[in-house]
């Protein structure tokens, strides 16, 4: 695993999965998926060329998900305040 990979929000990894995919010319290609209950969404238009790239994408998505959860959990000021 690369030193570039960050694990700042590993608790979000239960929602983000990585699976190998067949891509011509890229023997280590992987796809990244966002999974919530019975819904699964492919992230990105194409597979990542390497597992390392997919891990980086997973980690960045985990950071973004954690930010969304934190923002949603914080009371928002209304426009009339």
N, C-alpha and C. Protein backbone atom coordinates (compact mmCIF):
# COMPACT_ATOMS: atom_id res chain seq x y z
N UNK A 1 0.85 -1.19 0.00
CA UNK A 1 0.00 0.00 0.00
C UNK A 1 0.89 1.24 0.00
N UNK A 2 0.50 2.23 -0.74
CA UNK A 2 1.28 3.45 -0.89
C UNK A 2 1.21 4.32 0.36
N UNK A 3 2.25 5.12 0.55
CA UNK A 3 2.26 6.08 1.65
C UNK A 3 1.24 7.19 1.40
N UNK A 4 0.78 7.36 0.14
CA UNK A 4 -0.20 8.39 -0.18
C UNK A 4 -1.57 8.06 0.39
N UNK A 5 -1.83 6.79 0.64
CA UNK A 5 -3.16 6.38 1.09
C UNK A 5 -3.37 6.87 2.51
N UNK A 6 -4.50 7.51 2.72
CA UNK A 6 -4.84 8.00 4.04
C UNK A 6 -5.96 7.15 4.62
N UNK A 7 -5.91 6.91 5.89
CA UNK A 7 -6.94 6.12 6.55
C UNK A 7 -7.60 6.99 7.62
N UNK A 8 -7.90 8.24 7.31
CA UNK A 8 -8.45 9.16 8.30
C UNK A 8 -9.85 8.78 8.75
N UNK A 9 -10.62 8.13 7.91
CA UNK A 9 -12.01 7.79 8.26
C UNK A 9 -12.32 6.33 7.91
N UNK A 10 -11.58 5.40 8.52
CA UNK A 10 -11.81 3.98 8.19
C UNK A 10 -13.20 3.49 8.60
N UNK A 11 -13.88 4.20 9.49
CA UNK A 11 -15.23 3.80 9.89
C UNK A 11 -16.22 3.89 8.73
N UNK A 12 -15.88 4.63 7.71
CA UNK A 12 -16.76 4.76 6.55
C UNK A 12 -16.52 3.66 5.52
N UNK A 13 -15.49 2.85 5.72
CA UNK A 13 -15.17 1.80 4.75
C UNK A 13 -16.27 0.75 4.64
N UNK A 14 -17.14 0.66 5.61
CA UNK A 14 -18.25 -0.30 5.49
C UNK A 14 -19.20 0.10 4.36
N UNK A 15 -19.12 1.35 3.92
CA UNK A 15 -19.96 1.84 2.82
C UNK A 15 -19.24 1.88 1.48
N UNK A 16 -17.93 1.68 1.49
CA UNK A 16 -17.14 1.80 0.27
C UNK A 16 -16.34 0.51 0.07
N UNK A 17 -16.57 -0.15 -1.06
CA UNK A 17 -15.89 -1.41 -1.32
C UNK A 17 -15.05 -1.32 -2.59
N UNK A 18 -14.06 -2.19 -2.64
CA UNK A 18 -13.17 -2.29 -3.80
C UNK A 18 -13.23 -3.73 -4.29
N UNK A 19 -13.37 -3.90 -5.61
CA UNK A 19 -13.35 -5.23 -6.19
C UNK A 19 -12.54 -5.23 -7.47
N UNK A 20 -11.83 -6.33 -7.73
CA UNK A 20 -11.08 -6.42 -8.98
C UNK A 20 -12.02 -6.40 -10.18
N UNK A 21 -11.52 -5.89 -11.28
CA UNK A 21 -12.29 -5.83 -12.53
C UNK A 21 -11.35 -6.17 -13.68
N UNK A 22 -11.89 -6.73 -14.73
CA UNK A 22 -11.09 -7.05 -15.91
C UNK A 22 -11.07 -5.82 -16.82
N UNK A 23 -9.87 -5.29 -17.03
CA UNK A 23 -9.68 -4.17 -17.96
C UNK A 23 -8.47 -4.51 -18.83
N UNK A 24 -8.66 -4.48 -20.11
CA UNK A 24 -7.56 -4.82 -21.02
C UNK A 24 -6.37 -3.89 -20.80
N UNK A 25 -5.22 -4.49 -20.62
CA UNK A 25 -3.99 -3.73 -20.44
C UNK A 25 -3.70 -3.34 -19.00
N UNK A 26 -4.63 -3.64 -18.08
CA UNK A 26 -4.44 -3.28 -16.67
C UNK A 26 -4.75 -4.49 -15.79
N UNK A 27 -3.77 -5.36 -15.57
CA UNK A 27 -4.02 -6.59 -14.83
C UNK A 27 -4.37 -6.39 -13.36
N UNK A 28 -4.11 -5.21 -12.81
CA UNK A 28 -4.40 -4.94 -11.40
C UNK A 28 -5.58 -3.97 -11.23
N UNK A 29 -6.45 -3.88 -12.24
CA UNK A 29 -7.56 -2.92 -12.22
C UNK A 29 -8.59 -3.30 -11.16
N UNK A 30 -9.19 -2.26 -10.54
CA UNK A 30 -10.22 -2.44 -9.51
C UNK A 30 -11.30 -1.38 -9.66
N UNK A 31 -12.50 -1.72 -9.24
CA UNK A 31 -13.61 -0.77 -9.18
C UNK A 31 -13.87 -0.38 -7.74
N UNK A 32 -14.40 0.82 -7.54
CA UNK A 32 -14.79 1.32 -6.23
C UNK A 32 -16.31 1.48 -6.24
N UNK A 33 -16.97 1.03 -5.17
CA UNK A 33 -18.42 1.10 -5.07
C UNK A 33 -18.82 1.76 -3.76
N UNK A 34 -19.87 2.56 -3.82
CA UNK A 34 -20.54 3.09 -2.64
C UNK A 34 -21.73 2.17 -2.40
N UNK A 35 -21.81 1.59 -1.20
CA UNK A 35 -22.85 0.62 -0.89
C UNK A 35 -23.61 1.06 0.35
N UNK A 36 -24.93 1.10 0.24
CA UNK A 36 -25.80 1.43 1.38
C UNK A 36 -26.99 0.48 1.32
N UNK A 37 -27.10 -0.35 2.31
CA UNK A 37 -28.11 -1.42 2.39
C UNK A 37 -28.12 -2.20 1.09
N UNK A 38 -29.22 -2.18 0.35
CA UNK A 38 -29.30 -2.98 -0.88
C UNK A 38 -29.00 -2.17 -2.13
N UNK A 39 -28.43 -0.97 -1.98
CA UNK A 39 -28.07 -0.13 -3.12
C UNK A 39 -26.56 -0.12 -3.28
N UNK A 40 -26.12 -0.14 -4.53
CA UNK A 40 -24.69 -0.14 -4.81
C UNK A 40 -24.44 0.74 -6.03
N UNK A 41 -23.48 1.67 -5.89
CA UNK A 41 -23.19 2.64 -6.94
C UNK A 41 -21.72 2.56 -7.32
N UNK A 42 -21.46 2.41 -8.61
CA UNK A 42 -20.10 2.40 -9.13
C UNK A 42 -19.56 3.82 -9.10
N UNK A 43 -18.39 4.02 -8.54
CA UNK A 43 -17.79 5.35 -8.44
C UNK A 43 -16.79 5.52 -9.58
N UNK A 44 -16.95 6.58 -10.32
CA UNK A 44 -16.07 6.85 -11.45
C UNK A 44 -16.61 6.22 -12.71
N UNK A 45 -16.21 6.73 -13.82
CA UNK A 45 -16.71 6.22 -15.09
C UNK A 45 -16.07 4.91 -15.51
N UNK A 46 -14.85 4.68 -15.08
CA UNK A 46 -14.11 3.49 -15.46
C UNK A 46 -13.44 2.93 -14.22
N UNK A 47 -12.92 1.73 -14.31
CA UNK A 47 -12.19 1.16 -13.19
C UNK A 47 -10.87 1.88 -12.97
N UNK A 48 -10.35 1.76 -11.76
CA UNK A 48 -9.03 2.30 -11.45
C UNK A 48 -7.98 1.35 -12.03
N UNK A 49 -6.90 1.88 -12.53
CA UNK A 49 -5.88 1.07 -13.19
C UNK A 49 -5.16 0.13 -12.23
N UNK A 50 -5.06 0.53 -10.95
CA UNK A 50 -4.39 -0.32 -9.96
C UNK A 50 -5.20 -0.36 -8.67
N UNK A 51 -4.91 -1.36 -7.85
CA UNK A 51 -5.57 -1.46 -6.55
C UNK A 51 -5.18 -0.26 -5.68
N UNK A 52 -3.95 0.19 -5.82
CA UNK A 52 -3.47 1.36 -5.07
C UNK A 52 -4.31 2.59 -5.41
N UNK A 53 -4.61 2.79 -6.70
CA UNK A 53 -5.47 3.91 -7.11
C UNK A 53 -6.87 3.76 -6.51
N UNK A 54 -7.39 2.54 -6.51
CA UNK A 54 -8.72 2.29 -5.95
C UNK A 54 -8.74 2.54 -4.44
N UNK A 55 -7.67 2.17 -3.76
CA UNK A 55 -7.59 2.42 -2.31
C UNK A 55 -7.56 3.91 -2.02
N UNK A 56 -6.84 4.67 -2.85
CA UNK A 56 -6.80 6.12 -2.67
C UNK A 56 -8.20 6.70 -2.87
N UNK A 57 -8.90 6.25 -3.93
CA UNK A 57 -10.25 6.75 -4.19
C UNK A 57 -11.18 6.38 -3.04
N UNK A 58 -11.08 5.15 -2.55
CA UNK A 58 -11.88 4.72 -1.40
C UNK A 58 -11.64 5.63 -0.20
N UNK A 59 -10.38 5.90 0.07
CA UNK A 59 -10.04 6.72 1.23
C UNK A 59 -10.56 8.15 1.09
N UNK A 60 -10.46 8.72 -0.11
CA UNK A 60 -10.98 10.07 -0.33
C UNK A 60 -12.50 10.10 -0.20
N UNK A 61 -13.17 9.06 -0.68
CA UNK A 61 -14.62 8.97 -0.54
C UNK A 61 -15.01 8.81 0.92
N UNK A 62 -14.25 8.05 1.68
CA UNK A 62 -14.52 7.91 3.12
C UNK A 62 -14.39 9.24 3.84
N UNK A 63 -13.40 10.04 3.47
CA UNK A 63 -13.24 11.37 4.07
C UNK A 63 -14.45 12.24 3.72
N UNK A 64 -14.88 12.20 2.46
CA UNK A 64 -16.04 13.00 2.04
C UNK A 64 -17.31 12.55 2.76
N UNK A 65 -17.52 11.24 2.90
CA UNK A 65 -18.71 10.75 3.61
C UNK A 65 -18.70 11.19 5.07
N UNK A 66 -17.55 11.11 5.71
CA UNK A 66 -17.44 11.54 7.11
C UNK A 66 -17.76 13.03 7.24
N UNK A 67 -17.33 13.83 6.27
CA UNK A 67 -17.62 15.27 6.28
C UNK A 67 -19.12 15.50 6.13
N UNK A 68 -19.78 14.76 5.25
CA UNK A 68 -21.22 14.89 5.08
C UNK A 68 -21.94 14.55 6.37
N UNK A 69 -21.55 13.45 7.00
CA UNK A 69 -22.18 13.04 8.26
C UNK A 69 -21.96 14.10 9.33
N UNK A 70 -20.75 14.62 9.42
CA UNK A 70 -20.46 15.66 10.42
C UNK A 70 -21.28 16.92 10.17
N UNK A 71 -21.39 17.34 8.90
CA UNK A 71 -22.17 18.52 8.57
C UNK A 71 -23.65 18.31 8.89
N UNK A 72 -24.14 17.13 8.59
CA UNK A 72 -25.55 16.82 8.83
C UNK A 72 -25.84 16.74 10.33
N UNK A 73 -24.86 16.29 11.11
CA UNK A 73 -25.04 16.13 12.55
C UNK A 73 -24.93 17.45 13.31
N UNK A 74 -24.36 18.46 12.68
CA UNK A 74 -24.19 19.76 13.30
C UNK A 74 -25.43 20.60 13.05
N UNK A 75 -26.05 21.15 14.10
CA UNK A 75 -27.24 21.99 13.87
C UNK A 75 -26.90 23.15 12.94
N UNK A 76 -27.75 23.37 11.96
CA UNK A 76 -27.54 24.45 10.99
C UNK A 76 -28.31 25.70 11.44
N UNK A 77 -27.70 26.85 11.22
CA UNK A 77 -28.40 28.11 11.51
C UNK A 77 -29.43 28.35 10.41
N UNK A 78 -30.57 28.80 10.81
CA UNK A 78 -31.60 29.10 9.80
C UNK A 78 -31.32 30.47 9.19
N UNK A 79 -31.91 30.72 8.06
CA UNK A 79 -31.70 31.98 7.34
C UNK A 79 -32.26 33.17 8.13
N UNK A 80 -33.22 32.93 9.02
CA UNK A 80 -33.81 34.03 9.78
C UNK A 80 -33.01 34.42 11.01
N UNK A 81 -31.92 33.65 11.33
CA UNK A 81 -31.10 33.97 12.52
C UNK A 81 -30.22 35.15 12.30
